[in-house]
Full PDB file with SEQRES, HELIX, SHEET, SSBOND, CRYST1, ORIGX, SCALE, CONECT and MASTER records, all heavy atoms in Angstrom:
SEQRES   1 A   40  GLN PRO GLY GLY SER LEU ARG LEU SER CYS GLY ALA SER          
SEQRES   2 A   40  GLY SER THR PHE GLY ILE ASN ASN MET GLY TRP TYR ARG          
SEQRES   3 A   40  GLN PRO PRO GLY LYS GLN ARG GLU TRP VAL GLY SER ILE          
SEQRES   4 A   40  THR                                                          
SHEET    1 AA1 2 MET A  22  ARG A  26  0                                        
SHEET    2 AA1 2 GLU A  34  ILE A  39 -1                                        
CRYST1    1.000    1.000    1.000  90.00  90.00  90.00 P 1           1          
ORIGX1      1.000000  0.000000  0.000000        0.00000                         
ORIGX2      0.000000  1.000000  0.000000        0.00000                         
ORIGX3      0.000000  0.000000  1.000000        0.00000                         
SCALE1      1.000000  0.000000  0.000000        0.00000                         
SCALE2      0.000000  1.000000  0.000000        0.00000                         
SCALE3      0.000000  0.000000  1.000000        0.00000                         
ATOM      1  N   GLN A   1      13.526  -4.370  26.520  1.00  0.00           N  
ATOM      2  CA  GLN A   1      12.975  -3.016  26.535  1.00  0.00           C  
ATOM      3  C   GLN A   1      13.805  -2.075  25.667  1.00  0.00           C  
ATOM      4  O   GLN A   1      15.010  -2.319  25.467  1.00  0.00           O  
ATOM      5  CB  GLN A   1      12.937  -2.490  27.965  1.00  0.00           C  
ATOM      6  CG  GLN A   1      11.946  -3.211  28.865  1.00  0.00           C  
ATOM      7  CD  GLN A   1      11.807  -2.544  30.216  1.00  0.00           C  
ATOM      8  OE1 GLN A   1      12.656  -1.765  30.621  1.00  0.00           O  
ATOM      9  NE2 GLN A   1      10.723  -2.847  30.906  1.00  0.00           N  
ATOM     10  N   PRO A   2      13.206  -1.021  25.163  1.00  0.00           N  
ATOM     11  CA  PRO A   2      13.980  -0.025  24.396  1.00  0.00           C  
ATOM     12  C   PRO A   2      15.164   0.476  25.210  1.00  0.00           C  
ATOM     13  O   PRO A   2      15.041   0.729  26.422  1.00  0.00           O  
ATOM     14  CB  PRO A   2      12.964   1.088  24.149  1.00  0.00           C  
ATOM     15  CG  PRO A   2      11.645   0.397  24.158  1.00  0.00           C  
ATOM     16  CD  PRO A   2      11.775  -0.693  25.180  1.00  0.00           C  
ATOM     17  N   GLY A   3      16.304   0.601  24.536  1.00  0.00           N  
ATOM     18  CA  GLY A   3      17.531   1.009  25.204  1.00  0.00           C  
ATOM     19  C   GLY A   3      18.337  -0.153  25.759  1.00  0.00           C  
ATOM     20  O   GLY A   3      19.490   0.032  26.175  1.00  0.00           O  
ATOM     21  N   GLY A   4      17.757  -1.328  25.745  1.00  0.00           N  
ATOM     22  CA  GLY A   4      18.433  -2.497  26.282  1.00  0.00           C  
ATOM     23  C   GLY A   4      19.370  -3.152  25.300  1.00  0.00           C  
ATOM     24  O   GLY A   4      19.574  -2.650  24.170  1.00  0.00           O  
ATOM     25  N   SER A   5      19.940  -4.272  25.732  1.00  0.00           N  
ATOM     26  CA  SER A   5      20.915  -5.000  24.921  1.00  0.00           C  
ATOM     27  C   SER A   5      20.532  -6.462  24.806  1.00  0.00           C  
ATOM     28  O   SER A   5      19.834  -7.003  25.676  1.00  0.00           O  
ATOM     29  CB  SER A   5      22.313  -4.897  25.542  1.00  0.00           C  
ATOM     30  OG  SER A   5      22.774  -3.562  25.587  1.00  0.00           O  
ATOM     31  N   LEU A   6      21.016  -7.063  23.742  1.00  0.00           N  
ATOM     32  CA  LEU A   6      20.790  -8.480  23.501  1.00  0.00           C  
ATOM     33  C   LEU A   6      21.945  -9.003  22.672  1.00  0.00           C  
ATOM     34  O   LEU A   6      22.498  -8.268  21.830  1.00  0.00           O  
ATOM     35  CB  LEU A   6      19.472  -8.674  22.747  1.00  0.00           C  
ATOM     36  CG  LEU A   6      18.649  -9.955  22.954  1.00  0.00           C  
ATOM     37  CD1 LEU A   6      18.312 -10.152  24.432  1.00  0.00           C  
ATOM     38  CD2 LEU A   6      17.364  -9.872  22.136  1.00  0.00           C  
ATOM     39  N   ARG A   7      22.315 -10.247  22.892  1.00  0.00           N  
ATOM     40  CA  ARG A   7      23.397 -10.853  22.128  1.00  0.00           C  
ATOM     41  C   ARG A   7      22.907 -12.129  21.456  1.00  0.00           C  
ATOM     42  O   ARG A   7      22.440 -13.049  22.140  1.00  0.00           O  
ATOM     43  CB  ARG A   7      24.587 -11.172  23.030  1.00  0.00           C  
ATOM     44  CG  ARG A   7      25.846 -11.587  22.269  1.00  0.00           C  
ATOM     45  CD  ARG A   7      26.883 -12.146  23.216  1.00  0.00           C  
ATOM     46  NE  ARG A   7      28.224 -12.130  22.637  1.00  0.00           N  
ATOM     47  CZ  ARG A   7      29.185 -12.979  23.015  1.00  0.00           C  
ATOM     48  NH1 ARG A   7      28.949 -13.876  23.952  1.00  0.00           N  
ATOM     49  NH2 ARG A   7      30.378 -12.905  22.462  1.00  0.00           N  
ATOM     50  N   LEU A   8      23.028 -12.174  20.154  1.00  0.00           N  
ATOM     51  CA  LEU A   8      22.665 -13.356  19.392  1.00  0.00           C  
ATOM     52  C   LEU A   8      23.920 -14.155  19.049  1.00  0.00           C  
ATOM     53  O   LEU A   8      24.982 -13.580  18.818  1.00  0.00           O  
ATOM     54  CB  LEU A   8      21.941 -12.971  18.101  1.00  0.00           C  
ATOM     55  CG  LEU A   8      20.718 -12.070  18.224  1.00  0.00           C  
ATOM     56  CD1 LEU A   8      20.081 -11.848  16.858  1.00  0.00           C  
ATOM     57  CD2 LEU A   8      19.711 -12.631  19.202  1.00  0.00           C  
ATOM     58  N   SER A   9      23.758 -15.479  19.020  1.00  0.00           N  
ATOM     59  CA  SER A   9      24.849 -16.365  18.639  1.00  0.00           C  
ATOM     60  C   SER A   9      24.400 -17.254  17.494  1.00  0.00           C  
ATOM     61  O   SER A   9      23.214 -17.600  17.383  1.00  0.00           O  
ATOM     62  CB  SER A   9      25.263 -17.243  19.814  1.00  0.00           C  
ATOM     63  OG  SER A   9      25.703 -16.466  20.899  1.00  0.00           O  
ATOM     64  N   CYS A  10      25.346 -17.644  16.684  1.00  0.00           N  
ATOM     65  CA  CYS A  10      25.053 -18.525  15.561  1.00  0.00           C  
ATOM     66  C   CYS A  10      26.233 -19.469  15.382  1.00  0.00           C  
ATOM     67  O   CYS A  10      27.325 -19.031  14.990  1.00  0.00           O  
ATOM     68  CB  CYS A  10      24.818 -17.706  14.300  1.00  0.00           C  
ATOM     69  SG  CYS A  10      24.586 -18.678  12.800  1.00  0.00           S  
ATOM     70  N   GLY A  11      26.020 -20.726  15.687  1.00  0.00           N  
ATOM     71  CA  GLY A  11      27.072 -21.719  15.590  1.00  0.00           C  
ATOM     72  C   GLY A  11      27.011 -22.481  14.284  1.00  0.00           C  
ATOM     73  O   GLY A  11      25.939 -22.954  13.897  1.00  0.00           O  
ATOM     74  N   ALA A  12      28.166 -22.589  13.638  1.00  0.00           N  
ATOM     75  CA  ALA A  12      28.254 -23.318  12.368  1.00  0.00           C  
ATOM     76  C   ALA A  12      28.900 -24.675  12.586  1.00  0.00           C  
ATOM     77  O   ALA A  12      29.862 -24.805  13.340  1.00  0.00           O  
ATOM     78  CB  ALA A  12      29.063 -22.514  11.359  1.00  0.00           C  
ATOM     79  N   SER A  13      28.375 -25.674  11.914  1.00  0.00           N  
ATOM     80  CA  SER A  13      28.943 -27.019  11.966  1.00  0.00           C  
ATOM     81  C   SER A  13      28.880 -27.649  10.579  1.00  0.00           C  
ATOM     82  O   SER A  13      28.245 -27.117   9.674  1.00  0.00           O  
ATOM     83  CB  SER A  13      28.188 -27.882  12.980  1.00  0.00           C  
ATOM     84  OG  SER A  13      26.838 -28.022  12.602  1.00  0.00           O  
ATOM     85  N   GLY A  14      29.574 -28.762  10.448  1.00  0.00           N  
ATOM     86  CA  GLY A  14      29.644 -29.411   9.143  1.00  0.00           C  
ATOM     87  C   GLY A  14      30.911 -29.018   8.424  1.00  0.00           C  
ATOM     88  O   GLY A  14      31.973 -28.921   9.025  1.00  0.00           O  
ATOM     89  N   SER A  15      30.805 -28.708   7.155  1.00  0.00           N  
ATOM     90  CA  SER A  15      31.952 -28.366   6.330  1.00  0.00           C  
ATOM     91  C   SER A  15      32.231 -26.869   6.433  1.00  0.00           C  
ATOM     92  O   SER A  15      31.909 -26.088   5.543  1.00  0.00           O  
ATOM     93  CB  SER A  15      31.674 -28.764   4.875  1.00  0.00           C  
ATOM     94  OG  SER A  15      32.776 -28.453   4.054  1.00  0.00           O  
ATOM     95  N   THR A  16      32.853 -26.458   7.554  1.00  0.00           N  
ATOM     96  CA  THR A  16      33.049 -25.033   7.817  1.00  0.00           C  
ATOM     97  C   THR A  16      34.352 -24.484   7.235  1.00  0.00           C  
ATOM     98  O   THR A  16      34.532 -23.269   7.194  1.00  0.00           O  
ATOM     99  CB  THR A  16      33.011 -24.746   9.320  1.00  0.00           C  
ATOM    100  OG1 THR A  16      34.052 -25.510   9.948  1.00  0.00           O  
ATOM    101  CG2 THR A  16      31.666 -25.121   9.919  1.00  0.00           C  
ATOM    102  N   PHE A  17      35.248 -25.358   6.783  1.00  0.00           N  
ATOM    103  CA  PHE A  17      36.499 -24.862   6.220  1.00  0.00           C  
ATOM    104  C   PHE A  17      36.215 -24.080   4.951  1.00  0.00           C  
ATOM    105  O   PHE A  17      35.468 -24.527   4.094  1.00  0.00           O  
ATOM    106  CB  PHE A  17      37.445 -26.028   5.901  1.00  0.00           C  
ATOM    107  CG  PHE A  17      38.746 -25.585   5.306  1.00  0.00           C  
ATOM    108  CD1 PHE A  17      39.756 -25.068   6.120  1.00  0.00           C  
ATOM    109  CD2 PHE A  17      38.982 -25.638   3.935  1.00  0.00           C  
ATOM    110  CE1 PHE A  17      40.959 -24.645   5.581  1.00  0.00           C  
ATOM    111  CE2 PHE A  17      40.169 -25.221   3.394  1.00  0.00           C  
ATOM    112  CZ  PHE A  17      41.166 -24.722   4.216  1.00  0.00           C  
ATOM    113  N   GLY A  18      36.833 -22.900   4.832  1.00  0.00           N  
ATOM    114  CA  GLY A  18      36.673 -22.120   3.615  1.00  0.00           C  
ATOM    115  C   GLY A  18      35.516 -21.131   3.634  1.00  0.00           C  
ATOM    116  O   GLY A  18      35.187 -20.548   2.599  1.00  0.00           O  
ATOM    117  N   ILE A  19      34.912 -20.927   4.798  1.00  0.00           N  
ATOM    118  CA  ILE A  19      33.852 -19.912   4.888  1.00  0.00           C  
ATOM    119  C   ILE A  19      34.461 -18.537   4.667  1.00  0.00           C  
ATOM    120  O   ILE A  19      35.454 -18.180   5.298  1.00  0.00           O  
ATOM    121  CB  ILE A  19      33.146 -19.974   6.245  1.00  0.00           C  
ATOM    122  CG1 ILE A  19      32.279 -21.231   6.344  1.00  0.00           C  
ATOM    123  CG2 ILE A  19      32.290 -18.729   6.462  1.00  0.00           C  
ATOM    124  CD1 ILE A  19      31.616 -21.425   7.680  1.00  0.00           C  
ATOM    125  N   ASN A  20      33.861 -17.753   3.774  1.00  0.00           N  
ATOM    126  CA  ASN A  20      34.405 -16.439   3.434  1.00  0.00           C  
ATOM    127  C   ASN A  20      33.823 -15.325   4.294  1.00  0.00           C  
ATOM    128  O   ASN A  20      34.543 -14.434   4.736  1.00  0.00           O  
ATOM    129  CB  ASN A  20      34.128 -16.133   1.957  1.00  0.00           C  
ATOM    130  CG  ASN A  20      34.812 -17.119   1.038  1.00  0.00           C  
ATOM    131  OD1 ASN A  20      35.971 -17.454   1.240  1.00  0.00           O  
ATOM    132  ND2 ASN A  20      34.100 -17.597   0.043  1.00  0.00           N  
ATOM    133  N   ASN A  21      32.542 -15.347   4.466  1.00  0.00           N  
ATOM    134  CA  ASN A  21      31.864 -14.284   5.195  1.00  0.00           C  
ATOM    135  C   ASN A  21      30.805 -14.882   6.106  1.00  0.00           C  
ATOM    136  O   ASN A  21      30.219 -15.924   5.802  1.00  0.00           O  
ATOM    137  CB  ASN A  21      31.170 -13.314   4.237  1.00  0.00           C  
ATOM    138  CG  ASN A  21      32.139 -12.489   3.444  1.00  0.00           C  
ATOM    139  OD1 ASN A  21      32.774 -11.582   3.955  1.00  0.00           O  
ATOM    140  ND2 ASN A  21      32.265 -12.811   2.168  1.00  0.00           N  
ATOM    141  N   MET A  22      30.550 -14.206   7.201  1.00  0.00           N  
ATOM    142  CA  MET A  22      29.472 -14.557   8.103  1.00  0.00           C  
ATOM    143  C   MET A  22      28.738 -13.260   8.432  1.00  0.00           C  
ATOM    144  O   MET A  22      29.357 -12.181   8.421  1.00  0.00           O  
ATOM    145  CB  MET A  22      30.000 -15.220   9.381  1.00  0.00           C  
ATOM    146  CG  MET A  22      30.914 -16.408   9.134  1.00  0.00           C  
ATOM    147  SD  MET A  22      31.580 -17.109  10.656  1.00  0.00           S  
ATOM    148  CE  MET A  22      30.173 -18.086  11.215  1.00  0.00           C  
ATOM    149  N   GLY A  23      27.474 -13.372   8.727  1.00  0.00           N  
ATOM    150  CA  GLY A  23      26.767 -12.134   9.047  1.00  0.00           C  
ATOM    151  C   GLY A  23      25.326 -12.361   9.421  1.00  0.00           C  
ATOM    152  O   GLY A  23      24.917 -13.485   9.729  1.00  0.00           O  
ATOM    153  N   TRP A  24      24.585 -11.258   9.378  1.00  0.00           N  
ATOM    154  CA  TRP A  24      23.194 -11.269   9.830  1.00  0.00           C  
ATOM    155  C   TRP A  24      22.294 -10.471   8.896  1.00  0.00           C  
ATOM    156  O   TRP A  24      22.692  -9.421   8.379  1.00  0.00           O  
ATOM    157  CB  TRP A  24      23.114 -10.667  11.242  1.00  0.00           C  
ATOM    158  CG  TRP A  24      23.873 -11.439  12.255  1.00  0.00           C  
ATOM    159  CD1 TRP A  24      25.204 -11.318  12.566  1.00  0.00           C  
ATOM    160  CD2 TRP A  24      23.360 -12.464  13.102  1.00  0.00           C  
ATOM    161  NE1 TRP A  24      25.537 -12.206  13.548  1.00  0.00           N  
ATOM    162  CE2 TRP A  24      24.432 -12.922  13.898  1.00  0.00           C  
ATOM    163  CE3 TRP A  24      22.103 -13.036  13.287  1.00  0.00           C  
ATOM    164  CZ2 TRP A  24      24.274 -13.924  14.855  1.00  0.00           C  
ATOM    165  CZ3 TRP A  24      21.945 -14.036  14.228  1.00  0.00           C  
ATOM    166  CH2 TRP A  24      23.030 -14.469  14.994  1.00  0.00           C  
ATOM    167  N   TYR A  25      21.108 -10.992   8.717  1.00  0.00           N  
ATOM    168  CA  TYR A  25      20.001 -10.281   8.107  1.00  0.00           C  
ATOM    169  C   TYR A  25      18.884 -10.228   9.148  1.00  0.00           C  
ATOM    170  O   TYR A  25      18.924 -10.939  10.158  1.00  0.00           O  
ATOM    171  CB  TYR A  25      19.480 -11.035   6.876  1.00  0.00           C  
ATOM    172  CG  TYR A  25      20.170 -10.710   5.579  1.00  0.00           C  
ATOM    173  CD1 TYR A  25      21.450 -11.190   5.319  1.00  0.00           C  
ATOM    174  CD2 TYR A  25      19.547  -9.940   4.604  1.00  0.00           C  
ATOM    175  CE1 TYR A  25      22.082 -10.908   4.113  1.00  0.00           C  
ATOM    176  CE2 TYR A  25      20.172  -9.658   3.395  1.00  0.00           C  
ATOM    177  CZ  TYR A  25      21.431 -10.149   3.158  1.00  0.00           C  
ATOM    178  OH  TYR A  25      22.051  -9.874   1.961  1.00  0.00           O  
ATOM    179  N   ARG A  26      17.889  -9.400   8.859  1.00  0.00           N  
ATOM    180  CA  ARG A  26      16.692  -9.404   9.699  1.00  0.00           C  
ATOM    181  C   ARG A  26      15.459  -9.129   8.850  1.00  0.00           C  
ATOM    182  O   ARG A  26      15.558  -8.511   7.794  1.00  0.00           O  
ATOM    183  CB  ARG A  26      16.808  -8.369  10.823  1.00  0.00           C  
ATOM    184  CG  ARG A  26      16.803  -6.912  10.349  1.00  0.00           C  
ATOM    185  CD  ARG A  26      17.034  -5.980  11.526  1.00  0.00           C  
ATOM    186  NE  ARG A  26      17.016  -4.569  11.111  1.00  0.00           N  
ATOM    187  CZ  ARG A  26      17.282  -3.565  11.939  1.00  0.00           C  
ATOM    188  NH1 ARG A  26      17.585  -3.793  13.207  1.00  0.00           N  
ATOM    189  NH2 ARG A  26      17.235  -2.319  11.496  1.00  0.00           N  
ATOM    190  N   GLN A  27      14.324  -9.577   9.334  1.00  0.00           N  
ATOM    191  CA  GLN A  27      13.067  -9.337   8.644  1.00  0.00           C  
ATOM    192  C   GLN A  27      12.050  -8.790   9.612  1.00  0.00           C  
ATOM    193  O   GLN A  27      11.486  -9.525  10.440  1.00  0.00           O  
ATOM    194  CB  GLN A  27      12.537 -10.627   8.011  1.00  0.00           C  
ATOM    195  CG  GLN A  27      11.316 -10.403   7.138  1.00  0.00           C  
ATOM    196  CD  GLN A  27      11.033 -11.560   6.215  1.00  0.00           C  
ATOM    197  OE1 GLN A  27      11.549 -12.661   6.405  1.00  0.00           O  
ATOM    198  NE2 GLN A  27      10.225 -11.335   5.199  1.00  0.00           N  
ATOM    199  N   PRO A  28      11.811  -7.467   9.556  1.00  0.00           N  
ATOM    200  CA  PRO A  28      10.794  -6.867  10.418  1.00  0.00           C  
ATOM    201  C   PRO A  28       9.404  -7.359  10.016  1.00  0.00           C  
ATOM    202  O   PRO A  28       9.204  -7.780   8.860  1.00  0.00           O  
ATOM    203  CB  PRO A  28      10.951  -5.369  10.158  1.00  0.00           C  
ATOM    204  CG  PRO A  28      12.310  -5.206   9.557  1.00  0.00           C  
ATOM    205  CD  PRO A  28      12.537  -6.457   8.782  1.00  0.00           C  
ATOM    206  N   PRO A  29       8.446  -7.285  10.909  1.00  0.00           N  
ATOM    207  CA  PRO A  29       7.095  -7.757  10.577  1.00  0.00           C  
ATOM    208  C   PRO A  29       6.509  -6.995   9.394  1.00  0.00           C  
ATOM    209  O   PRO A  29       6.521  -5.762   9.367  1.00  0.00           O  
ATOM    210  CB  PRO A  29       6.307  -7.507  11.876  1.00  0.00           C  
ATOM    211  CG  PRO A  29       7.142  -6.599  12.703  1.00  0.00           C  
ATOM    212  CD  PRO A  29       8.539  -6.816  12.309  1.00  0.00           C  
ATOM    213  N   GLY A  30       6.027  -7.729   8.406  1.00  0.00           N  
ATOM    214  CA  GLY A  30       5.413  -7.135   7.238  1.00  0.00           C  
ATOM    215  C   GLY A  30       6.368  -6.517   6.238  1.00  0.00           C  
ATOM    216  O   GLY A  30       5.923  -5.863   5.279  1.00  0.00           O  
ATOM    217  N   LYS A  31       7.674  -6.715   6.444  1.00  0.00           N  
ATOM    218  CA  LYS A  31       8.663  -6.110   5.545  1.00  0.00           C  
ATOM    219  C   LYS A  31       9.584  -7.177   4.962  1.00  0.00           C  
ATOM    220  O   LYS A  31       9.585  -8.321   5.396  1.00  0.00           O  
ATOM    221  CB  LYS A  31       9.486  -5.053   6.284  1.00  0.00           C  
ATOM    222  CG  LYS A  31       8.668  -3.890   6.805  1.00  0.00           C  
ATOM    223  CD  LYS A  31       9.553  -2.846   7.469  1.00  0.00           C  
ATOM    224  CE  LYS A  31       8.740  -1.673   7.977  1.00  0.00           C  
ATOM    225  NZ  LYS A  31       9.601  -0.642   8.630  1.00  0.00           N  
ATOM    226  N   GLN A  32      10.392  -6.749   3.995  1.00  0.00           N  
ATOM    227  CA  GLN A  32      11.332  -7.674   3.379  1.00  0.00           C  
ATOM    228  C   GLN A  32      12.566  -7.861   4.255  1.00  0.00           C  
ATOM    229  O   GLN A  32      12.879  -7.017   5.106  1.00  0.00           O  
ATOM    230  CB  GLN A  32      11.736  -7.145   2.002  1.00  0.00           C  
ATOM    231  CG  GLN A  32      10.613  -7.179   0.970  1.00  0.00           C  
ATOM    232  CD  GLN A  32      11.105  -6.851  -0.422  1.00  0.00           C  
ATOM    233  OE1 GLN A  32      12.153  -6.239  -0.592  1.00  0.00           O  
ATOM    234  NE2 GLN A  32      10.349  -7.266  -1.420  1.00  0.00           N  
ATOM    235  N   ARG A  33      13.252  -8.947   4.010  1.00  0.00           N  
ATOM    236  CA  ARG A  33      14.488  -9.213   4.737  1.00  0.00           C  
ATOM    237  C   ARG A  33      15.520  -8.163   4.357  1.00  0.00           C  
ATOM    238  O   ARG A  33      15.664  -7.811   3.181  1.00  0.00           O  
ATOM    239  CB  ARG A  33      14.998 -10.618   4.399  1.00  0.00           C  
ATOM    240  CG  ARG A  33      16.095 -11.119   5.301  1.00  0.00           C  
ATOM    241  CD  ARG A  33      16.450 -12.560   5.006  1.00  0.00           C  
ATOM    242  NE  ARG A  33      15.351 -13.483   5.272  1.00  0.00           N  
ATOM    243  CZ  ARG A  33      15.498 -14.804   5.321  1.00  0.00           C  
ATOM    244  NH1 ARG A  33      16.686 -15.346   5.105  1.00  0.00           N  
ATOM    245  NH2 ARG A  33      14.461 -15.577   5.552  1.00  0.00           N  
ATOM    246  N   GLU A  34      16.275  -7.669   5.348  1.00  0.00           N  
ATOM    247  CA  GLU A  34      17.291  -6.643   5.106  1.00  0.00           C  
ATOM    248  C   GLU A  34      18.601  -7.046   5.751  1.00  0.00           C  
ATOM    249  O   GLU A  34      18.643  -7.683   6.804  1.00  0.00           O  
ATOM    250  CB  GLU A  34      16.826  -5.290   5.663  1.00  0.00           C  
ATOM    251  CG  GLU A  34      16.571  -5.262   7.151  1.00  0.00           C  
ATOM    252  CD  GLU A  34      15.972  -3.948   7.645  1.00  0.00           C  
ATOM    253  OE1 GLU A  34      15.296  -3.268   6.865  1.00  0.00           O  
ATOM    254  OE2 GLU A  34      16.201  -3.613   8.825  1.00  0.00           O  
ATOM    255  N   TRP A  35      19.663  -6.635   5.108  1.00  0.00           N  
ATOM    256  CA  TRP A  35      21.002  -6.944   5.591  1.00  0.00           C  
ATOM    257  C   TRP A  35      21.320  -6.090   6.811  1.00  0.00           C  
ATOM    258  O   TRP A  35      21.039  -4.890   6.850  1.00  0.00           O  
ATOM    259  CB  TRP A  35      22.004  -6.682   4.471  1.00  0.00           C  
ATOM    260  CG  TRP A  35      23.432  -6.861   4.819  1.00  0.00           C  
ATOM    261  CD1 TRP A  35      24.103  -8.024   4.994  1.00  0.00           C  
ATOM    262  CD2 TRP A  35      24.397  -5.811   5.008  1.00  0.00           C  
ATOM    263  NE1 TRP A  35      25.425  -7.777   5.279  1.00  0.00           N  
ATOM    264  CE2 TRP A  35      25.632  -6.423   5.292  1.00  0.00           C  
ATOM    265  CE3 TRP A  35      24.343  -4.426   4.953  1.00  0.00           C  
ATOM    266  CZ2 TRP A  35      26.795  -5.703   5.528  1.00  0.00           C  
ATOM    267  CZ3 TRP A  35      25.498  -3.698   5.175  1.00  0.00           C  
ATOM    268  CH2 TRP A  35      26.707  -4.335   5.471  1.00  0.00           C  
ATOM    269  N   VAL A  36      21.928  -6.709   7.816  1.00  0.00           N  
ATOM    270  CA  VAL A  36      22.307  -6.015   9.046  1.00  0.00           C  
ATOM    271  C   VAL A  36      23.809  -5.725   9.066  1.00  0.00           C  
ATOM    272  O   VAL A  36      24.255  -4.611   9.353  1.00  0.00           O  
ATOM    273  CB  VAL A  36      21.927  -6.843  10.281  1.00  0.00           C  
ATOM    274  CG1 VAL A  36      22.468  -6.212  11.561  1.00  0.00           C  
ATOM    275  CG2 VAL A  36      20.409  -7.012  10.359  1.00  0.00           C  
ATOM    276  N   GLY A  37      24.606  -6.748   8.785  1.00  0.00           N  
ATOM    277  CA  GLY A  37      26.045  -6.572   8.808  1.00  0.00           C  
ATOM    278  C   GLY A  37      26.750  -7.881   8.553  1.00  0.00           C  
ATOM    279  O   GLY A  37      26.121  -8.945   8.521  1.00  0.00           O  
ATOM    280  N   SER A  38      28.070  -7.800   8.399  1.00  0.00           N  
ATOM    281  CA  SER A  38      28.839  -8.993   8.087  1.00  0.00           C  
ATOM    282  C   SER A  38      30.263  -8.861   8.593  1.00  0.00           C  
ATOM    283  O   SER A  38      30.729  -7.765   8.943  1.00  0.00           O  
ATOM    284  CB  SER A  38      28.853  -9.240   6.578  1.00  0.00           C  
ATOM    285  OG  SER A  38      29.485  -8.164   5.910  1.00  0.00           O  
ATOM    286  N   ILE A  39      30.957  -9.999   8.632  1.00  0.00           N  
ATOM    287  CA  ILE A  39      32.355 -10.036   9.015  1.00  0.00           C  
ATOM    288  C   ILE A  39      33.062 -11.007   8.077  1.00  0.00           C  
ATOM    289  O   ILE A  39      32.556 -12.103   7.799  1.00  0.00           O  
ATOM    290  CB  ILE A  39      32.517 -10.448  10.497  1.00  0.00           C  
ATOM    291  CG1 ILE A  39      33.979 -10.363  10.929  1.00  0.00           C  
ATOM    292  CG2 ILE A  39      31.912 -11.817  10.781  1.00  0.00           C  
ATOM    293  CD1 ILE A  39      34.154 -10.441  12.451  1.00  0.00           C  
ATOM    294  N   THR A  40      34.218 -10.596   7.589  1.00  0.00           N  
ATOM    295  CA  THR A  40      34.964 -11.457   6.682  1.00  0.00           C  
ATOM    296  C   THR A  40      35.848 -12.427   7.464  1.00  0.00           C  
ATOM    297  O   THR A  40      35.992 -12.314   8.692  1.00  0.00           O  
ATOM    298  CB  THR A  40      35.850 -10.629   5.742  1.00  0.00           C  
ATOM    299  OG1 THR A  40      36.906 -10.029   6.525  1.00  0.00           O  
ATOM    300  CG2 THR A  40      35.059  -9.546   5.043  1.00  0.00           C  
TER     301      THR A  40                                                      
MASTER        0    0    0    0    2    0    0    6  300    1    0    4          
END                                                                             
């Protein structure tokens, strides 16, 4: 519901050594994908 909270998780596996940045994009309905944020 509006005003509520949600937590997304994303687990990486495989050749994870040397990852520089991780983050999130989103794509609203009928719109282009947009950057949400990142962490170095």
